[in-house]
PDB file of N, CA and C in Angstrom:
ATOM      1  N   MET A   1      94.876 115.509  94.410  1.00  0.00           N
ATOM      2  CA  MET A   1      95.779 114.070  94.404  1.00  0.00           C
ATOM      3  C   MET A   1      96.703 114.166  93.112  1.00  0.00           C
ATOM      4  N   ALA A   2      97.850 114.052  93.067  1.00  0.00           N
ATOM      5  CA  ALA A   2      98.829 114.356  91.978  1.00  0.00           C
ATOM      6  C   ALA A   2      98.765 112.848  91.064  1.00  0.00           C
ATOM      7  N   SER A   3      98.675 113.260  89.925  1.00  0.00           N
ATOM      8  CA  SER A   3      98.697 111.833  88.647  1.00  0.00           C
ATOM      9  C   SER A   3      99.818 111.279  89.223  1.00  0.00           C
ATOM     10  N   LEU A   4      99.834 109.905  88.513  1.00  0.00           N
ATOM     11  CA  LEU A   4     100.989 108.934  88.610  1.00  0.00           C
ATOM     12  C   LEU A   4     102.113 109.462  87.889  1.00  0.00           C
ATOM     13  N   GLN A   5     101.636 110.298  86.594  1.00  0.00           N
ATOM     14  CA  GLN A   5     102.649 110.551  85.605  1.00  0.00           C
ATOM     15  C   GLN A   5     103.966 112.034  86.259  1.00  0.00           C
ATOM     16  N   GLN A   6     103.106 112.553  87.125  1.00  0.00           N
ATOM     17  CA  GLN A   6     103.676 113.771  87.867  1.00  0.00           C
ATOM     18  C   GLN A   6     104.750 113.364  88.793  1.00  0.00           C
ATOM     19  N   THR A   7     104.469 112.034  89.771  1.00  0.00           N
ATOM     20  CA  THR A   7     105.365 111.798  90.449  1.00  0.00           C
ATOM     21  C   THR A   7     106.245 110.711  90.315  1.00  0.00           C
ATOM     22  N   GLU A   8     107.515 110.225  90.786  1.00  0.00           N
ATOM     23  CA  GLU A   8     108.269 109.138  90.785  1.00  0.00           C
ATOM     24  C   GLU A   8     107.985 108.089  91.599  1.00  0.00           C
ATOM     25  N   VAL A   9     107.293 106.936  91.249  1.00  0.00           N
ATOM     26  CA  VAL A   9     106.798 106.004  92.204  1.00  0.00           C
ATOM     27  C   VAL A   9     107.938 104.805  91.763  1.00  0.00           C
ATOM     28  N   LEU A  10     108.525 104.085  92.758  1.00  0.00           N
ATOM     29  CA  LEU A  10     109.182 103.290  92.507  1.00  0.00           C
ATOM     30  C   LEU A  10     108.751 102.081  93.864  1.00  0.00           C
ATOM     31  N   ARG A  11     108.984 100.676  93.691  1.00  0.00           N
ATOM     32  CA  ARG A  11     108.634  99.875  94.778  1.00  0.00           C
ATOM     33  C   ARG A  11     110.033  98.742  94.970  1.00  0.00           C
ATOM     34  N   ILE A  12     110.218  99.325  96.260  1.00  0.00           N
ATOM     35  CA  ILE A  12     111.354  99.063  96.763  1.00  0.00           C
ATOM     36  C   ILE A  12     111.241  98.190  98.319  1.00  0.00           C
ATOM     37  N   PRO A  13     111.710  96.860  98.123  1.00  0.00           N
ATOM     38  CA  PRO A  13     111.176  95.956  99.471  1.00  0.00           C
ATOM     39  C   PRO A  13     112.797  96.144 100.417  1.00  0.00           C
ATOM     40  N   ALA A  14     113.405  97.018 100.188  1.00  0.00           N
ATOM     41  CA  ALA A  14     114.680  97.405 101.251  1.00  0.00           C
ATOM     42  C   ALA A  14     113.749  98.283 102.955  1.00  0.00           C
ATOM     43  N   ARG A  15     114.601  97.586 103.735  1.00  0.00           N
ATOM     44  CA  ARG A  15     114.182  98.242 105.163  1.00  0.00           C
ATOM     45  C   ARG A  15     114.922  99.383 105.338  1.00  0.00           C
ATOM     46  N   ARG A  16     115.972  99.955 104.443  1.00  0.00           N
ATOM     47  CA  ARG A  16     116.475 101.269 105.056  1.00  0.00           C
ATOM     48  C   ARG A  16     116.001 102.296 104.092  1.00  0.00           C
ATOM     49  N   SER A  17     114.832 101.962 103.414  1.00  0.00           N
ATOM     50  CA  SER A  17     114.307 103.094 102.504  1.00  0.00           C
ATOM     51  C   SER A  17     113.904 104.459 103.076  1.00  0.00           C
ATOM     52  N   TYR A  18     113.717 104.599 104.027  1.00  0.00           N
ATOM     53  CA  TYR A  18     113.154 105.733 104.933  1.00  0.00           C
ATOM     54  C   TYR A  18     114.652 106.554 104.897  1.00  0.00           C
ATOM     55  N   ALA A  19     115.704 106.178 105.069  1.00  0.00           N
ATOM     56  CA  ALA A  19     117.104 106.915 105.202  1.00  0.00           C
ATOM     57  C   ALA A  19     117.203 107.209 103.688  1.00  0.00           C
ATOM     58  N   ALA A  20     116.983 106.672 102.584  1.00  0.00           N
ATOM     59  CA  ALA A  20     117.010 107.042 101.167  1.00  0.00           C
ATOM     60  C   ALA A  20     115.973 108.268 100.832  1.00  0.00           C
ATOM     61  N   GLY A  21     115.178 108.600 101.699  1.00  0.00           N
ATOM     62  CA  GLY A  21     114.146 109.213 101.281  1.00  0.00           C
ATOM     63  C   GLY A  21     112.613 108.985 100.729  1.00  0.00           C
ATOM     64  N   TYR A  22     112.413 107.746 100.939  1.00  0.00           N
ATOM     65  CA  TYR A  22     111.450 107.254 100.502  1.00  0.00           C
ATOM     66  C   TYR A  22     110.159 106.882 101.572  1.00  0.00           C
ATOM     67  N   LYS A  23     109.072 106.722 101.426  1.00  0.00           N
ATOM     68  CA  LYS A  23     107.809 107.094 102.138  1.00  0.00           C
ATOM     69  C   LYS A  23     106.961 105.540 101.903  1.00  0.00           C
ATOM     70  N   TYR A  24     106.412 105.251 102.990  1.00  0.00           N
ATOM     71  CA  TYR A  24     105.893 103.754 103.273  1.00  0.00           C
ATOM     72  C   TYR A  24     104.405 103.892 103.104  1.00  0.00           C
ATOM     73  N   CYS A  25     103.626 103.311 102.381  1.00  0.00           N
ATOM     74  CA  CYS A  25     102.195 103.180 102.093  1.00  0.00           C
ATOM     75  C   CYS A  25     101.823 102.031 103.031  1.00  0.00           C
ATOM     76  N   SER A  26     101.004 102.068 104.232  1.00  0.00           N
ATOM     77  CA  SER A  26     100.710 100.966 104.789  1.00  0.00           C
ATOM     78  C   SER A  26      99.666 100.161 104.488  1.00  0.00           C
ATOM     79  N   ARG A  27      98.769 100.854 103.214  1.00  0.00           N
ATOM     80  CA  ARG A  27      97.601 100.035 102.793  1.00  0.00           C
ATOM     81  C   ARG A  27      98.524  99.112 101.745  1.00  0.00           C
ATOM     82  N   CYS A  28      98.914  99.825 100.941  1.00  0.00           N
ATOM     83  CA  CYS A  28      99.302  99.195  99.368  1.00  0.00           C
ATOM     84  C   CYS A  28     100.675  98.250 100.178  1.00  0.00           C
ATOM     85  N   ARG A  29     101.361  98.453 100.939  1.00  0.00           N
ATOM     86  CA  ARG A  29     102.586  97.655 101.423  1.00  0.00           C
ATOM     87  C   ARG A  29     103.776  98.087 100.590  1.00  0.00           C
ATOM     88  N   THR A  30     103.709  99.193  99.715  1.00  0.00           N
ATOM     89  CA  THR A  30     104.746  99.909  99.009  1.00  0.00           C
ATOM     90  C   THR A  30     105.439 100.859  99.523  1.00  0.00           C
ATOM     91  N   TYR A  31     106.928 100.966  98.946  1.00  0.00           N
ATOM     92  CA  TYR A  31     107.628 102.186  99.228  1.00  0.00           C
ATOM     93  C   TYR A  31     107.808 103.074  97.993  1.00  0.00           C
ATOM     94  N   HIS A  32     107.614 104.398  98.395  1.00  0.00           N
ATOM     95  CA  HIS A  32     107.306 105.697  97.177  1.00  0.00           C
ATOM     96  C   HIS A  32     108.525 106.344  97.251  1.00  0.00           C
ATOM     97  N   LEU A  33     108.976 107.078  96.005  1.00  0.00           N
ATOM     98  CA  LEU A  33     109.938 108.255  96.153  1.00  0.00           C
ATOM     99  C   LEU A  33     109.191 109.177  95.724  1.00  0.00           C
ATOM    100  N   THR A  34     108.503 109.866  96.580  1.00  0.00           N
ATOM    101  CA  THR A  34     107.391 111.225  95.985  1.00  0.00           C
ATOM    102  C   THR A  34     107.781 112.245  97.009  1.00  0.00           C
ATOM    103  N   ASP A  35     107.436 113.711  96.814  1.00  0.00           N
ATOM    104  CA  ASP A  35     107.269 114.605  97.929  1.00  0.00           C
ATOM    105  C   ASP A  35     105.982 115.046  98.181  1.00  0.00           C
ATOM    106  N   SER A  36     105.325 114.109  97.922  1.00  0.00           N
ATOM    107  CA  SER A  36     103.650 114.073  98.215  1.00  0.00           C
ATOM    108  C   SER A  36     103.854 113.250  99.636  1.00  0.00           C
ATOM    109  N   VAL A  37     102.616 113.887 100.478  1.00  0.00           N
ATOM    110  CA  VAL A  37     102.266 113.493 101.502  1.00  0.00           C
ATOM    111  C   VAL A  37     101.219 112.201 101.822  1.00  0.00           C
ATOM    112  N   ARG A  38     100.681 111.949 100.515  1.00  0.00           N
ATOM    113  CA  ARG A  38      99.697 110.882 100.374  1.00  0.00           C
ATOM    114  C   ARG A  38     100.412 109.694  99.255  1.00  0.00           C
ATOM    115  N   CYS A  39      99.409 108.590  99.612  1.00  0.00           N
ATOM    116  CA  CYS A  39     100.016 107.680  98.304  1.00  0.00           C
ATOM    117  C   CYS A  39      99.344 108.162  97.040  1.00  0.00           C
ATOM    118  N   PRO A  40     100.331 108.143  95.718  1.00  0.00           N
ATOM    119  CA  PRO A  40      99.355 108.167  94.674  1.00  0.00           C
ATOM    120  C   PRO A  40      98.727 106.973  94.208  1.00  0.00           C
ATOM    121  N   TYR A  41      98.450 105.759  94.948  1.00  0.00           N
ATOM    122  CA  TYR A  41      97.446 104.689  94.344  1.00  0.00           C
ATOM    123  C   TYR A  41      96.070 104.834  95.412  1.00  0.00           C
ATOM    124  N   CYS A  42      96.294 105.297  96.602  1.00  0.00           N
ATOM    125  CA  CYS A  42      95.157 105.320  97.464  1.00  0.00           C
ATOM    126  C   CYS A  42      94.630 106.368  98.024  1.00  0.00           C
ATOM    127  N   GLY A  43      95.778 107.201  98.349  1.00  0.00           N
ATOM    128  CA  GLY A  43      95.141 108.222  99.045  1.00  0.00           C
ATOM    129  C   GLY A  43      95.806 108.324 100.362  1.00  0.00           C
ATOM    130  N   ILE A  44      96.197 107.402 101.176  1.00  0.00           N
ATOM    131  CA  ILE A  44      96.180 107.267 102.744  1.00  0.00           C
ATOM    132  C   ILE A  44      97.755 108.135 102.748  1.00  0.00           C
ATOM    133  N   LEU A  45      97.838 108.812 104.035  1.00  0.00           N
ATOM    134  CA  LEU A  45      98.985 109.303 104.554  1.00  0.00           C
ATOM    135  C   LEU A  45     100.163 108.162 104.256  1.00  0.00           C
ATOM    136  N   LEU A  46     101.504 108.965 103.917  1.00  0.00           N
ATOM    137  CA  LEU A  46     102.792 107.933 103.788  1.00  0.00           C
ATOM    138  C   LEU A  46     103.133 108.131 105.156  1.00  0.00           C
ATOM    139  N   ARG A  47     103.950 106.991 105.267  1.00  0.00           N
ATOM    140  CA  ARG A  47     105.020 106.709 106.688  1.00  0.00           C
ATOM    141  C   ARG A  47     106.354 107.369 106.271  1.00  0.00           C
ATOM    142  N   ASN A  48     106.894 108.391 107.128  1.00  0.00           N
ATOM    143  CA  ASN A  48     108.339 109.321 106.775  1.00  0.00           C
ATOM    144  C   ASN A  48     109.505 108.034 107.495  1.00  0.00           C
ATOM    145  N   SER A  49     108.923 107.268 108.695  1.00  0.00           N
ATOM    146  CA  SER A  49     109.830 106.895 109.741  1.00  0.00           C
ATOM    147  C   SER A  49     109.114 105.309 110.009  1.00  0.00           C
ATOM    148  N   PRO A  50     109.758 104.642 110.346  1.00  0.00           N
ATOM    149  CA  PRO A  50     109.518 103.262 110.746  1.00  0.00           C
ATOM    150  C   PRO A  50     108.437 103.284 112.293  1.00  0.00           C
ATOM    151  N   ARG A  51     107.460 102.436 112.265  1.00  0.00           N
ATOM    152  CA  ARG A  51     106.990 102.415 113.562  1.00  0.00           C
ATOM    153  C   ARG A  51     107.705 102.036 114.997  1.00  0.00           C
ATOM    154  N   LYS A  52     108.292 101.205 114.628  1.00  0.00           N
ATOM    155  CA  LYS A  52     109.172 101.016 115.920  1.00  0.00           C
ATOM    156  C   LYS A  52     110.680 101.326 115.648  1.00  0.00           C
ATOM    157  N   LYS A  53     111.279 101.966 116.852  1.00  0.00           N
ATOM    158  CA  LYS A  53     112.790 101.830 116.987  1.00  0.00           C
ATOM    159  C   LYS A  53     113.370 100.944 117.075  1.00  0.00           C
ATOM    160  N   LYS A  54     114.573 100.883 116.613  1.00  0.00           N
ATOM    161  CA  LYS A  54     115.884  99.592 117.368  1.00  0.00           C
ATOM    162  C   LYS A  54     115.548  99.669 118.444  1.00  0.00           C
ATOM    163  N   PRO A  55     115.940  98.025 118.957  1.00  0.00           N
ATOM    164  CA  PRO A  55     115.776  97.736 120.393  1.00  0.00           C
ATOM    165  C   PRO A  55     117.162  98.301 120.816  1.00  0.00           C
ATOM    166  N   VAL A  56     117.254  98.750 122.085  1.00  0.00           N
ATOM    167  CA  VAL A  56     118.223  99.241 122.224  1.00  0.00           C
ATOM    168  C   VAL A  56     119.116  97.926 123.322  1.00  0.00           C
ATOM    169  N   ASP A  57     120.435  97.920 123.041  1.00  0.00           N
ATOM    170  CA  ASP A  57     121.581  96.845 123.536  1.00  0.00           C
ATOM    171  C   ASP A  57     121.680  97.193 124.934  1.00  0.00           C
ATOM    172  N   SER A  58     120.974  96.070 125.980  1.00  0.00           N
ATOM    173  CA  SER A  58     121.172  96.127 126.787  1.00  0.00           C
ATOM    174  C   SER A  58     122.285  95.972 127.687  1.00  0.00           C
ATOM    175  N   SER A  59     123.504  95.397 126.949  1.00  0.00           N
ATOM    176  CA  SER A  59     124.521  95.244 127.809  1.00  0.00           C
ATOM    177  C   SER A  59     125.435  96.706 128.119  1.00  0.00           C
ATOM    178  N   LYS A  60     124.625  97.516 127.371  1.00  0.00           N
ATOM    179  CA  LYS A  60     125.417  98.910 127.724  1.00  0.00           C
ATOM    180  C   LYS A  60     124.985  99.766 129.151  1.00  0.00           C
ATOM    181  N   TYR A  61     123.992  98.967 130.011  1.00  0.00           N
ATOM    182  CA  TYR A  61     123.552  99.290 131.117  1.00  0.00           C
ATOM    183  C   TYR A  61     124.114  98.262 131.994  1.00  0.00           C
ATOM    184  N   ILE A  62     124.310  98.924 133.309  1.00  0.00           N
ATOM    185  CA  ILE A  62     124.836  97.958 134.417  1.00  0.00           C
ATOM    186  C   ILE A  62     123.589  97.763 135.503  1.00  0.00           C
ATOM    187  N   GLN A  63     123.154  96.707 135.726  1.00  0.00           N
ATOM    188  CA  GLN A  63     122.462  96.244 136.452  1.00  0.00           C
ATOM    189  C   GLN A  63     122.764  96.545 138.089  1.00  0.00           C
ATOM    190  N   PRO A  64     121.915  97.260 138.863  1.00  0.00           N
ATOM    191  CA  PRO A  64     122.229  97.722 140.454  1.00  0.00           C
ATOM    192  C   PRO A  64     122.394  96.636 141.171  1.00  0.00           C
ATOM    193  N   THR A  65     122.862  96.082 141.920  1.00  0.00           N
ATOM    194  CA  THR A  65     123.099  95.122 143.178  1.00  0.00           C
ATOM    195  C   THR A  65     122.409  95.631 144.275  1.00  0.00           C
ATOM    196  N   ILE A  66     121.409  94.861 144.778  1.00  0.00           N
ATOM    197  CA  ILE A  66     121.039  95.310 145.977  1.00  0.00           C
ATOM    198  C   ILE A  66     121.384  94.564 147.373  1.00  0.00           C
ATOM    199  N   ALA A  67     122.089  95.193 148.036  1.00  0.00           N
ATOM    200  CA  ALA A  67     122.299  94.418 149.213  1.00  0.00           C
ATOM    201  C   ALA A  67     121.527  94.293 150.186  1.00  0.00           C
ATOM    202  N   GLU A  68     121.536  92.731 150.902  1.00  0.00           N
ATOM    203  CA  GLU A  68     120.058  92.880 151.752  1.00  0.00           C
ATOM    204  C   GLU A  68     120.988  93.000 153.079  1.00  0.00           C
TER     205      GLU A  68
END
């Protein structure tokens, strides 16, 4: 585990942090800007992407009509 002095750690509450290269620790609930795979505080694996994708806009799809 890397020491805190070797890694640059920033806490940012922004949602778009993944696009800027930040990783999220689900245990500490903080974003970290680091090349490490693990959290520098607790050692748990960091997330590289959000858990859920953005919802798909349903207006793009046409509902088929069923003729009786």
